[in-house]
Full PDB file with SEQRES, HELIX, SHEET, SSBOND, CRYST1, ORIGX, SCALE, CONECT and MASTER records, all heavy atoms in Angstrom:
SEQRES   1 A   42  MET ILE ILE GLY VAL GLY GLY PRO GLU VAL ARG GLY MET          
SEQRES   2 A   42  ALA PRO PRO LEU GLY LYS ILE LEU LYS PRO GLY ASP LEU          
SEQRES   3 A   42  VAL THR THR GLU LEU THR PRO CYS VAL ASN GLY TYR TYR          
SEQRES   4 A   42  VAL GLN ILE                                                  
SHEET    1 AA1 2 ILE A   2  GLY A   6  0                                        
SHEET    2 AA1 2 LEU A  26  GLU A  30 -1                                        
SHEET    1 AA2 2 CYS A  34  VAL A  35  0                                        
SHEET    2 AA2 2 TYR A  38  TYR A  39 -1                                        
CRYST1    1.000    1.000    1.000  90.00  90.00  90.00 P 1           1          
ORIGX1      1.000000  0.000000  0.000000        0.00000                         
ORIGX2      0.000000  1.000000  0.000000        0.00000                         
ORIGX3      0.000000  0.000000  1.000000        0.00000                         
SCALE1      1.000000  0.000000  0.000000        0.00000                         
SCALE2      0.000000  1.000000  0.000000        0.00000                         
SCALE3      0.000000  0.000000  1.000000        0.00000                         
ATOM      1  N   MET A   1       0.831  -1.194   0.000  1.00  0.00           N  
ATOM      2  CA  MET A   1       0.000   0.000   0.000  1.00  0.00           C  
ATOM      3  C   MET A   1       0.866   1.245   0.000  1.00  0.00           C  
ATOM      4  O   MET A   1       1.841   1.346   0.748  1.00  0.00           O  
ATOM      5  CB  MET A   1      -0.887   0.004   1.242  1.00  0.00           C  
ATOM      6  CG  MET A   1      -1.768   1.229   1.378  1.00  0.00           C  
ATOM      7  SD  MET A   1      -2.805   1.091   2.850  1.00  0.00           S  
ATOM      8  CE  MET A   1      -3.678   2.637   2.773  1.00  0.00           C  
ATOM      9  N   ILE A   2       0.523   2.194  -0.848  1.00  0.00           N  
ATOM     10  CA  ILE A   2       1.144   3.508  -0.844  1.00  0.00           C  
ATOM     11  C   ILE A   2       0.047   4.558  -0.898  1.00  0.00           C  
ATOM     12  O   ILE A   2      -1.105   4.253  -1.233  1.00  0.00           O  
ATOM     13  CB  ILE A   2       2.161   3.691  -1.995  1.00  0.00           C  
ATOM     14  CG1 ILE A   2       1.582   3.198  -3.325  1.00  0.00           C  
ATOM     15  CG2 ILE A   2       3.470   3.002  -1.675  1.00  0.00           C  
ATOM     16  CD1 ILE A   2       2.545   3.288  -4.486  1.00  0.00           C  
ATOM     17  N   ILE A   3       0.407   5.805  -0.577  1.00  0.00           N  
ATOM     18  CA  ILE A   3      -0.618   6.829  -0.385  1.00  0.00           C  
ATOM     19  C   ILE A   3      -0.081   8.189  -0.819  1.00  0.00           C  
ATOM     20  O   ILE A   3       1.130   8.431  -0.809  1.00  0.00           O  
ATOM     21  CB  ILE A   3      -1.048   6.862   1.107  1.00  0.00           C  
ATOM     22  CG1 ILE A   3      -2.282   7.733   1.332  1.00  0.00           C  
ATOM     23  CG2 ILE A   3       0.110   7.305   2.000  1.00  0.00           C  
ATOM     24  CD1 ILE A   3      -2.871   7.584   2.734  1.00  0.00           C  
ATOM     25  N   GLY A   4      -0.996   9.067  -1.218  1.00  0.00           N  
ATOM     26  CA  GLY A   4      -0.663  10.448  -1.508  1.00  0.00           C  
ATOM     27  C   GLY A   4      -1.717  11.359  -0.910  1.00  0.00           C  
ATOM     28  O   GLY A   4      -2.916  11.060  -0.988  1.00  0.00           O  
ATOM     29  N   VAL A   5      -1.292  12.462  -0.299  1.00  0.00           N  
ATOM     30  CA  VAL A   5      -2.222  13.405   0.332  1.00  0.00           C  
ATOM     31  C   VAL A   5      -1.824  14.817  -0.057  1.00  0.00           C  
ATOM     32  O   VAL A   5      -0.687  15.227   0.150  1.00  0.00           O  
ATOM     33  CB  VAL A   5      -2.196  13.281   1.873  1.00  0.00           C  
ATOM     34  CG1 VAL A   5      -3.109  14.333   2.506  1.00  0.00           C  
ATOM     35  CG2 VAL A   5      -2.607  11.888   2.314  1.00  0.00           C  
ATOM     36  N   GLY A   6      -2.763  15.566  -0.660  1.00  0.00           N  
ATOM     37  CA  GLY A   6      -2.474  16.958  -0.991  1.00  0.00           C  
ATOM     38  C   GLY A   6      -3.050  17.371  -2.321  1.00  0.00           C  
ATOM     39  O   GLY A   6      -4.091  16.866  -2.754  1.00  0.00           O  
ATOM     40  N   GLY A   7      -2.342  18.281  -2.999  1.00  0.00           N  
ATOM     41  CA  GLY A   7      -2.809  18.838  -4.267  1.00  0.00           C  
ATOM     42  C   GLY A   7      -1.741  18.775  -5.348  1.00  0.00           C  
ATOM     43  O   GLY A   7      -1.047  17.769  -5.458  1.00  0.00           O  
ATOM     44  N   PRO A   8      -1.589  19.842  -6.143  1.00  0.00           N  
ATOM     45  CA  PRO A   8      -0.648  19.818  -7.271  1.00  0.00           C  
ATOM     46  C   PRO A   8       0.803  19.560  -6.879  1.00  0.00           C  
ATOM     47  O   PRO A   8       1.610  19.161  -7.730  1.00  0.00           O  
ATOM     48  CB  PRO A   8      -0.800  21.219  -7.879  1.00  0.00           C  
ATOM     49  CG  PRO A   8      -2.177  21.654  -7.487  1.00  0.00           C  
ATOM     50  CD  PRO A   8      -2.393  21.081  -6.128  1.00  0.00           C  
ATOM     51  N   GLU A   9       1.135  19.771  -5.607  1.00  0.00           N  
ATOM     52  CA  GLU A   9       2.516  19.520  -5.179  1.00  0.00           C  
ATOM     53  C   GLU A   9       2.824  18.029  -5.050  1.00  0.00           C  
ATOM     54  O   GLU A   9       3.995  17.624  -4.970  1.00  0.00           O  
ATOM     55  CB  GLU A   9       2.781  20.207  -3.833  1.00  0.00           C  
ATOM     56  CG  GLU A   9       2.230  19.509  -2.608  1.00  0.00           C  
ATOM     57  CD  GLU A   9       0.718  19.673  -2.402  1.00  0.00           C  
ATOM     58  OE1 GLU A   9       0.073  20.356  -3.229  1.00  0.00           O  
ATOM     59  OE2 GLU A   9       0.180  19.130  -1.419  1.00  0.00           O  
ATOM     60  N   VAL A  10       1.787  17.180  -5.045  1.00  0.00           N  
ATOM     61  CA  VAL A  10       1.971  15.742  -4.877  1.00  0.00           C  
ATOM     62  C   VAL A  10       2.192  15.109  -6.254  1.00  0.00           C  
ATOM     63  O   VAL A  10       1.300  15.116  -7.097  1.00  0.00           O  
ATOM     64  CB  VAL A  10       0.752  15.100  -4.182  1.00  0.00           C  
ATOM     65  CG1 VAL A  10       0.956  13.595  -4.056  1.00  0.00           C  
ATOM     66  CG2 VAL A  10       0.540  15.732  -2.816  1.00  0.00           C  
ATOM     67  N   ARG A  11       3.369  14.563  -6.473  1.00  0.00           N  
ATOM     68  CA  ARG A  11       3.733  14.015  -7.782  1.00  0.00           C  
ATOM     69  C   ARG A  11       3.754  12.495  -7.813  1.00  0.00           C  
ATOM     70  O   ARG A  11       4.151  11.900  -8.806  1.00  0.00           O  
ATOM     71  CB  ARG A  11       5.085  14.571  -8.221  1.00  0.00           C  
ATOM     72  CG  ARG A  11       5.003  16.062  -8.563  1.00  0.00           C  
ATOM     73  CD  ARG A  11       6.327  16.632  -8.990  1.00  0.00           C  
ATOM     74  NE  ARG A  11       6.129  17.987  -9.512  1.00  0.00           N  
ATOM     75  CZ  ARG A  11       6.070  18.297 -10.798  1.00  0.00           C  
ATOM     76  NH1 ARG A  11       6.161  17.332 -11.705  1.00  0.00           N  
ATOM     77  NH2 ARG A  11       5.901  19.543 -11.185  1.00  0.00           N  
ATOM     78  N   GLY A  12       3.368  11.868  -6.739  1.00  0.00           N  
ATOM     79  CA  GLY A  12       3.333  10.414  -6.713  1.00  0.00           C  
ATOM     80  C   GLY A  12       2.857   9.925  -5.360  1.00  0.00           C  
ATOM     81  O   GLY A  12       2.531  10.711  -4.467  1.00  0.00           O  
ATOM     82  N   MET A  13       2.824   8.614  -5.201  1.00  0.00           N  
ATOM     83  CA  MET A  13       2.445   8.015  -3.925  1.00  0.00           C  
ATOM     84  C   MET A  13       3.684   7.424  -3.270  1.00  0.00           C  
ATOM     85  O   MET A  13       4.668   7.114  -3.933  1.00  0.00           O  
ATOM     86  CB  MET A  13       1.387   6.936  -4.136  1.00  0.00           C  
ATOM     87  CG  MET A  13       0.060   7.488  -4.623  1.00  0.00           C  
ATOM     88  SD  MET A  13      -1.233   6.213  -4.705  1.00  0.00           S  
ATOM     89  CE  MET A  13      -0.606   5.172  -6.025  1.00  0.00           C  
ATOM     90  N   ALA A  14       3.621   7.264  -1.962  1.00  0.00           N  
ATOM     91  CA  ALA A  14       4.770   6.795  -1.198  1.00  0.00           C  
ATOM     92  C   ALA A  14       4.266   6.180   0.097  1.00  0.00           C  
ATOM     93  O   ALA A  14       3.068   6.243   0.403  1.00  0.00           O  
ATOM     94  CB  ALA A  14       5.705   7.970  -0.905  1.00  0.00           C  
ATOM     95  N   PRO A  15       5.139   5.577   0.884  1.00  0.00           N  
ATOM     96  CA  PRO A  15       4.737   5.205   2.242  1.00  0.00           C  
ATOM     97  C   PRO A  15       4.312   6.454   3.007  1.00  0.00           C  
ATOM     98  O   PRO A  15       4.645   7.583   2.619  1.00  0.00           O  
ATOM     99  CB  PRO A  15       6.025   4.597   2.828  1.00  0.00           C  
ATOM    100  CG  PRO A  15       6.802   4.134   1.642  1.00  0.00           C  
ATOM    101  CD  PRO A  15       6.517   5.137   0.565  1.00  0.00           C  
ATOM    102  N   PRO A  16       3.571   6.304   4.106  1.00  0.00           N  
ATOM    103  CA  PRO A  16       3.061   7.486   4.830  1.00  0.00           C  
ATOM    104  C   PRO A  16       4.193   8.376   5.335  1.00  0.00           C  
ATOM    105  O   PRO A  16       5.220   7.899   5.811  1.00  0.00           O  
ATOM    106  CB  PRO A  16       2.268   6.877   5.988  1.00  0.00           C  
ATOM    107  CG  PRO A  16       2.815   5.491   6.136  1.00  0.00           C  
ATOM    108  CD  PRO A  16       3.192   5.049   4.772  1.00  0.00           C  
ATOM    109  N   LEU A  17       3.962   9.677   5.211  1.00  0.00           N  
ATOM    110  CA  LEU A  17       4.973  10.672   5.576  1.00  0.00           C  
ATOM    111  C   LEU A  17       4.550  11.517   6.776  1.00  0.00           C  
ATOM    112  O   LEU A  17       5.230  12.475   7.132  1.00  0.00           O  
ATOM    113  CB  LEU A  17       5.242  11.582   4.382  1.00  0.00           C  
ATOM    114  CG  LEU A  17       5.716  10.888   3.096  1.00  0.00           C  
ATOM    115  CD1 LEU A  17       5.743  11.878   1.937  1.00  0.00           C  
ATOM    116  CD2 LEU A  17       7.075  10.254   3.300  1.00  0.00           C  
ATOM    117  N   GLY A  18       3.414  11.196   7.383  1.00  0.00           N  
ATOM    118  CA  GLY A  18       2.921  11.979   8.510  1.00  0.00           C  
ATOM    119  C   GLY A  18       2.107  13.185   8.084  1.00  0.00           C  
ATOM    120  O   GLY A  18       1.843  14.078   8.912  1.00  0.00           O  
ATOM    121  N   LYS A  19       1.669  13.239   6.816  1.00  0.00           N  
ATOM    122  CA  LYS A  19       0.867  14.373   6.365  1.00  0.00           C  
ATOM    123  C   LYS A  19      -0.512  14.341   7.010  1.00  0.00           C  
ATOM    124  O   LYS A  19      -1.111  13.273   7.192  1.00  0.00           O  
ATOM    125  CB  LYS A  19       0.747  14.362   4.844  1.00  0.00           C  
ATOM    126  CG  LYS A  19       2.083  14.549   4.124  1.00  0.00           C  
ATOM    127  CD  LYS A  19       1.896  14.751   2.638  1.00  0.00           C  
ATOM    128  CE  LYS A  19       1.335  16.129   2.335  1.00  0.00           C  
ATOM    129  NZ  LYS A  19       1.313  16.430   0.891  1.00  0.00           N  
ATOM    130  N   ILE A  20      -1.023  15.515   7.324  1.00  0.00           N  
ATOM    131  CA  ILE A  20      -2.331  15.640   7.964  1.00  0.00           C  
ATOM    132  C   ILE A  20      -3.380  15.993   6.917  1.00  0.00           C  
ATOM    133  O   ILE A  20      -3.196  16.922   6.126  1.00  0.00           O  
ATOM    134  CB  ILE A  20      -2.284  16.717   9.061  1.00  0.00           C  
ATOM    135  CG1 ILE A  20      -1.258  16.326  10.139  1.00  0.00           C  
ATOM    136  CG2 ILE A  20      -3.654  16.918   9.685  1.00  0.00           C  
ATOM    137  CD1 ILE A  20      -1.025  17.386  11.183  1.00  0.00           C  
ATOM    138  N   LEU A  21      -4.475  15.237   6.892  1.00  0.00           N  
ATOM    139  CA  LEU A  21      -5.535  15.469   5.918  1.00  0.00           C  
ATOM    140  C   LEU A  21      -6.244  16.784   6.218  1.00  0.00           C  
ATOM    141  O   LEU A  21      -6.579  17.062   7.376  1.00  0.00           O  
ATOM    142  CB  LEU A  21      -6.540  14.317   5.941  1.00  0.00           C  
ATOM    143  CG  LEU A  21      -6.193  13.054   5.143  1.00  0.00           C  
ATOM    144  CD1 LEU A  21      -4.918  12.394   5.653  1.00  0.00           C  
ATOM    145  CD2 LEU A  21      -7.354  12.062   5.180  1.00  0.00           C  
ATOM    146  N   LYS A  22      -6.497  17.575   5.157  1.00  0.00           N  
ATOM    147  CA  LYS A  22      -7.181  18.862   5.325  1.00  0.00           C  
ATOM    148  C   LYS A  22      -8.211  19.026   4.216  1.00  0.00           C  
ATOM    149  O   LYS A  22      -8.148  18.340   3.182  1.00  0.00           O  
ATOM    150  CB  LYS A  22      -6.168  20.006   5.308  1.00  0.00           C  
ATOM    151  CG  LYS A  22      -5.389  20.143   4.031  1.00  0.00           C  
ATOM    152  CD  LYS A  22      -4.342  21.247   4.149  1.00  0.00           C  
ATOM    153  CE  LYS A  22      -3.636  21.511   2.819  1.00  0.00           C  
ATOM    154  NZ  LYS A  22      -2.940  20.314   2.297  1.00  0.00           N  
ATOM    155  N   PRO A  23      -9.183  19.922   4.384  1.00  0.00           N  
ATOM    156  CA  PRO A  23     -10.211  20.107   3.362  1.00  0.00           C  
ATOM    157  C   PRO A  23      -9.596  20.438   2.001  1.00  0.00           C  
ATOM    158  O   PRO A  23      -8.658  21.223   1.894  1.00  0.00           O  
ATOM    159  CB  PRO A  23     -11.024  21.287   3.901  1.00  0.00           C  
ATOM    160  CG  PRO A  23     -10.843  21.218   5.385  1.00  0.00           C  
ATOM    161  CD  PRO A  23      -9.435  20.757   5.584  1.00  0.00           C  
ATOM    162  N   GLY A  24     -10.151  19.819   0.970  1.00  0.00           N  
ATOM    163  CA  GLY A  24      -9.692  20.040  -0.394  1.00  0.00           C  
ATOM    164  C   GLY A  24      -8.628  19.074  -0.854  1.00  0.00           C  
ATOM    165  O   GLY A  24      -8.333  18.987  -2.061  1.00  0.00           O  
ATOM    166  N   ASP A  25      -8.010  18.330   0.068  1.00  0.00           N  
ATOM    167  CA  ASP A  25      -6.955  17.385  -0.319  1.00  0.00           C  
ATOM    168  C   ASP A  25      -7.499  16.244  -1.163  1.00  0.00           C  
ATOM    169  O   ASP A  25      -8.599  15.729  -0.911  1.00  0.00           O  
ATOM    170  CB  ASP A  25      -6.311  16.766   0.931  1.00  0.00           C  
ATOM    171  CG  ASP A  25      -5.246  17.638   1.543  1.00  0.00           C  
ATOM    172  OD1 ASP A  25      -4.815  18.608   0.895  1.00  0.00           O  
ATOM    173  OD2 ASP A  25      -4.830  17.337   2.684  1.00  0.00           O  
ATOM    174  N   LEU A  26      -6.716  15.845  -2.154  1.00  0.00           N  
ATOM    175  CA  LEU A  26      -6.895  14.541  -2.772  1.00  0.00           C  
ATOM    176  C   LEU A  26      -6.192  13.513  -1.900  1.00  0.00           C  
ATOM    177  O   LEU A  26      -5.077  13.758  -1.411  1.00  0.00           O  
ATOM    178  CB  LEU A  26      -6.272  14.497  -4.166  1.00  0.00           C  
ATOM    179  CG  LEU A  26      -6.958  15.255  -5.303  1.00  0.00           C  
ATOM    180  CD1 LEU A  26      -6.167  15.044  -6.601  1.00  0.00           C  
ATOM    181  CD2 LEU A  26      -8.396  14.805  -5.489  1.00  0.00           C  
ATOM    182  N   VAL A  27      -6.821  12.376  -1.701  1.00  0.00           N  
ATOM    183  CA  VAL A  27      -6.180  11.258  -1.000  1.00  0.00           C  
ATOM    184  C   VAL A  27      -6.197  10.079  -1.964  1.00  0.00           C  
ATOM    185  O   VAL A  27      -7.257   9.534  -2.289  1.00  0.00           O  
ATOM    186  CB  VAL A  27      -6.913  10.903   0.302  1.00  0.00           C  
ATOM    187  CG1 VAL A  27      -6.176   9.766   1.014  1.00  0.00           C  
ATOM    188  CG2 VAL A  27      -7.008  12.124   1.213  1.00  0.00           C  
ATOM    189  N   THR A  28      -5.015   9.746  -2.462  1.00  0.00           N  
ATOM    190  CA  THR A  28      -4.891   8.659  -3.425  1.00  0.00           C  
ATOM    191  C   THR A  28      -4.284   7.448  -2.742  1.00  0.00           C  
ATOM    192  O   THR A  28      -3.450   7.577  -1.838  1.00  0.00           O  
ATOM    193  CB  THR A  28      -3.979   9.070  -4.599  1.00  0.00           C  
ATOM    194  OG1 THR A  28      -2.679   9.381  -4.092  1.00  0.00           O  
ATOM    195  CG2 THR A  28      -4.531  10.275  -5.324  1.00  0.00           C  
ATOM    196  N   THR A  29      -4.697   6.268  -3.170  1.00  0.00           N  
ATOM    197  CA  THR A  29      -4.070   5.057  -2.634  1.00  0.00           C  
ATOM    198  C   THR A  29      -4.267   3.899  -3.582  1.00  0.00           C  
ATOM    199  O   THR A  29      -5.192   3.881  -4.406  1.00  0.00           O  
ATOM    200  CB  THR A  29      -4.648   4.688  -1.256  1.00  0.00           C  
ATOM    201  OG1 THR A  29      -3.815   3.690  -0.652  1.00  0.00           O  
ATOM    202  CG2 THR A  29      -6.067   4.138  -1.359  1.00  0.00           C  
ATOM    203  N   GLU A  30      -3.343   2.956  -3.467  1.00  0.00           N  
ATOM    204  CA  GLU A  30      -3.589   1.638  -4.032  1.00  0.00           C  
ATOM    205  C   GLU A  30      -3.465   0.631  -2.896  1.00  0.00           C  
ATOM    206  O   GLU A  30      -2.511   0.649  -2.130  1.00  0.00           O  
ATOM    207  CB  GLU A  30      -2.628   1.325  -5.180  1.00  0.00           C  
ATOM    208  CG  GLU A  30      -1.147   1.430  -4.886  1.00  0.00           C  
ATOM    209  CD  GLU A  30      -0.307   1.180  -6.120  1.00  0.00           C  
ATOM    210  OE1 GLU A  30      -0.684   1.681  -7.202  1.00  0.00           O  
ATOM    211  OE2 GLU A  30       0.719   0.488  -6.005  1.00  0.00           O  
ATOM    212  N   LEU A  31      -4.497  -0.174  -2.745  1.00  0.00           N  
ATOM    213  CA  LEU A  31      -4.511  -1.257  -1.775  1.00  0.00           C  
ATOM    214  C   LEU A  31      -4.245  -2.551  -2.519  1.00  0.00           C  
ATOM    215  O   LEU A  31      -4.834  -2.795  -3.578  1.00  0.00           O  
ATOM    216  CB  LEU A  31      -5.864  -1.356  -1.075  1.00  0.00           C  
ATOM    217  CG  LEU A  31      -6.405  -0.110  -0.366  1.00  0.00           C  
ATOM    218  CD1 LEU A  31      -7.752  -0.435   0.268  1.00  0.00           C  
ATOM    219  CD2 LEU A  31      -5.429   0.382   0.670  1.00  0.00           C  
ATOM    220  N   THR A  32      -3.388  -3.406  -1.969  1.00  0.00           N  
ATOM    221  CA  THR A  32      -3.050  -4.658  -2.653  1.00  0.00           C  
ATOM    222  C   THR A  32      -3.021  -5.793  -1.645  1.00  0.00           C  
ATOM    223  O   THR A  32      -1.952  -6.287  -1.260  1.00  0.00           O  
ATOM    224  CB  THR A  32      -1.689  -4.542  -3.364  1.00  0.00           C  
ATOM    225  OG1 THR A  32      -1.545  -3.251  -3.953  1.00  0.00           O  
ATOM    226  CG2 THR A  32      -1.553  -5.603  -4.462  1.00  0.00           C  
ATOM    227  N   PRO A  33      -4.184  -6.235  -1.167  1.00  0.00           N  
ATOM    228  CA  PRO A  33      -4.200  -7.323  -0.192  1.00  0.00           C  
ATOM    229  C   PRO A  33      -3.815  -8.659  -0.815  1.00  0.00           C  
ATOM    230  O   PRO A  33      -4.085  -8.917  -1.996  1.00  0.00           O  
ATOM    231  CB  PRO A  33      -5.653  -7.337   0.290  1.00  0.00           C  
ATOM    232  CG  PRO A  33      -6.429  -6.778  -0.850  1.00  0.00           C  
ATOM    233  CD  PRO A  33      -5.542  -5.749  -1.477  1.00  0.00           C  
ATOM    234  N   CYS A  34      -3.198  -9.488   0.007  1.00  0.00           N  
ATOM    235  CA  CYS A  34      -2.756 -10.821  -0.410  1.00  0.00           C  
ATOM    236  C   CYS A  34      -3.520 -11.861   0.398  1.00  0.00           C  
ATOM    237  O   CYS A  34      -3.513 -11.823   1.633  1.00  0.00           O  
ATOM    238  CB  CYS A  34      -1.251 -10.952  -0.173  1.00  0.00           C  
ATOM    239  SG  CYS A  34      -0.561 -12.574  -0.562  1.00  0.00           S  
ATOM    240  N   VAL A  35      -4.179 -12.777  -0.291  1.00  0.00           N  
ATOM    241  CA  VAL A  35      -4.930 -13.844   0.355  1.00  0.00           C  
ATOM    242  C   VAL A  35      -4.394 -15.173  -0.156  1.00  0.00           C  
ATOM    243  O   VAL A  35      -4.400 -15.445  -1.361  1.00  0.00           O  
ATOM    244  CB  VAL A  35      -6.442 -13.728   0.060  1.00  0.00           C  
ATOM    245  CG1 VAL A  35      -7.199 -14.884   0.703  1.00  0.00           C  
ATOM    246  CG2 VAL A  35      -6.985 -12.399   0.565  1.00  0.00           C  
ATOM    247  N   ASN A  36      -3.879 -16.001   0.768  1.00  0.00           N  
ATOM    248  CA  ASN A  36      -3.294 -17.290   0.397  1.00  0.00           C  
ATOM    249  C   ASN A  36      -2.237 -17.154  -0.693  1.00  0.00           C  
ATOM    250  O   ASN A  36      -2.121 -17.999  -1.583  1.00  0.00           O  
ATOM    251  CB  ASN A  36      -4.383 -18.269  -0.057  1.00  0.00           C  
ATOM    252  CG  ASN A  36      -5.270 -18.720   1.088  1.00  0.00           C  
ATOM    253  OD1 ASN A  36      -4.816 -18.818   2.231  1.00  0.00           O  
ATOM    254  ND2 ASN A  36      -6.533 -18.973   0.813  1.00  0.00           N  
ATOM    255  N   GLY A  37      -1.486 -16.058  -0.634  1.00  0.00           N  
ATOM    256  CA  GLY A  37      -0.384 -15.876  -1.570  1.00  0.00           C  
ATOM    257  C   GLY A  37      -0.717 -15.079  -2.809  1.00  0.00           C  
ATOM    258  O   GLY A  37       0.187 -14.704  -3.553  1.00  0.00           O  
ATOM    259  N   TYR A  38      -1.995 -14.764  -3.053  1.00  0.00           N  
ATOM    260  CA  TYR A  38      -2.395 -14.098  -4.292  1.00  0.00           C  
ATOM    261  C   TYR A  38      -2.850 -12.667  -4.016  1.00  0.00           C  
ATOM    262  O   TYR A  38      -3.686 -12.430  -3.151  1.00  0.00           O  
ATOM    263  CB  TYR A  38      -3.509 -14.891  -4.982  1.00  0.00           C  
ATOM    264  CG  TYR A  38      -2.984 -16.189  -5.549  1.00  0.00           C  
ATOM    265  CD1 TYR A  38      -2.930 -17.339  -4.773  1.00  0.00           C  
ATOM    266  CD2 TYR A  38      -2.510 -16.256  -6.860  1.00  0.00           C  
ATOM    267  CE1 TYR A  38      -2.415 -18.522  -5.269  1.00  0.00           C  
ATOM    268  CE2 TYR A  38      -1.998 -17.439  -7.365  1.00  0.00           C  
ATOM    269  CZ  TYR A  38      -1.950 -18.568  -6.568  1.00  0.00           C  
ATOM    270  OH  TYR A  38      -1.425 -19.735  -7.066  1.00  0.00           O  
ATOM    271  N   TYR A  39      -2.288 -11.750  -4.788  1.00  0.00           N  
ATOM    272  CA  TYR A  39      -2.557 -10.320  -4.617  1.00  0.00           C  
ATOM    273  C   TYR A  39      -3.596  -9.817  -5.623  1.00  0.00           C  
ATOM    274  O   TYR A  39      -3.620 -10.252  -6.784  1.00  0.00           O  
ATOM    275  CB  TYR A  39      -1.287  -9.505  -4.852  1.00  0.00           C  
ATOM    276  CG  TYR A  39      -0.213  -9.663  -3.813  1.00  0.00           C  
ATOM    277  CD1 TYR A  39       0.715 -10.699  -3.901  1.00  0.00           C  
ATOM    278  CD2 TYR A  39      -0.101  -8.774  -2.749  1.00  0.00           C  
ATOM    279  CE1 TYR A  39       1.724 -10.837  -2.962  1.00  0.00           C  
ATOM    280  CE2 TYR A  39       0.901  -8.911  -1.799  1.00  0.00           C  
ATOM    281  CZ  TYR A  39       1.811  -9.942  -1.912  1.00  0.00           C  
ATOM    282  OH  TYR A  39       2.820 -10.074  -0.982  1.00  0.00           O  
ATOM    283  N   VAL A  40      -4.417  -8.871  -5.157  1.00  0.00           N  
ATOM    284  CA  VAL A  40      -5.303  -8.107  -6.028  1.00  0.00           C  
ATOM    285  C   VAL A  40      -5.193  -6.646  -5.611  1.00  0.00           C  
ATOM    286  O   VAL A  40      -5.027  -6.328  -4.433  1.00  0.00           O  
ATOM    287  CB  VAL A  40      -6.767  -8.596  -5.932  1.00  0.00           C  
ATOM    288  CG1 VAL A  40      -7.715  -7.557  -6.520  1.00  0.00           C  
ATOM    289  CG2 VAL A  40      -6.934  -9.901  -6.679  1.00  0.00           C  
ATOM    290  N   GLN A  41      -5.302  -5.753  -6.580  1.00  0.00           N  
ATOM    291  CA  GLN A  41      -5.107  -4.329  -6.303  1.00  0.00           C  
ATOM    292  C   GLN A  41      -6.324  -3.513  -6.722  1.00  0.00           C  
ATOM    293  O   GLN A  41      -7.012  -3.850  -7.691  1.00  0.00           O  
ATOM    294  CB  GLN A  41      -3.880  -3.833  -7.063  1.00  0.00           C  
ATOM    295  CG  GLN A  41      -3.450  -2.410  -6.721  1.00  0.00           C  
ATOM    296  CD  GLN A  41      -2.072  -2.117  -7.301  1.00  0.00           C  
ATOM    297  OE1 GLN A  41      -1.967  -1.519  -8.373  1.00  0.00           O  
ATOM    298  NE2 GLN A  41      -1.019  -2.541  -6.604  1.00  0.00           N  
ATOM    299  N   ILE A  42      -6.569  -2.453  -5.951  1.00  0.00           N  
ATOM    300  CA  ILE A  42      -7.566  -1.467  -6.332  1.00  0.00           C  
ATOM    301  C   ILE A  42      -6.941  -0.089  -6.171  1.00  0.00           C  
ATOM    302  O   ILE A  42      -6.213   0.167  -5.210  1.00  0.00           O  
ATOM    303  CB  ILE A  42      -8.854  -1.581  -5.491  1.00  0.00           C  
ATOM    304  CG1 ILE A  42      -9.902  -0.571  -5.980  1.00  0.00           C  
ATOM    305  CG2 ILE A  42      -8.577  -1.396  -3.996  1.00  0.00           C  
ATOM    306  CD1 ILE A  42     -11.283  -0.791  -5.383  1.00  0.00           C  
TER     307      ILE A  42                                                      
MASTER        0    0    0    0    4    0    0    6  306    1    0    4          
END                                                                             
């Protein structure tokens, strides 16, 4: 899982950086759970 929080200054996703969510922010993520060895992503 990686995440992005903010606006035009955010150029990609990364592990969490301690950013605080505020009104107007985009919050992007990809979740990739693994079940019995097999991954699926959203």
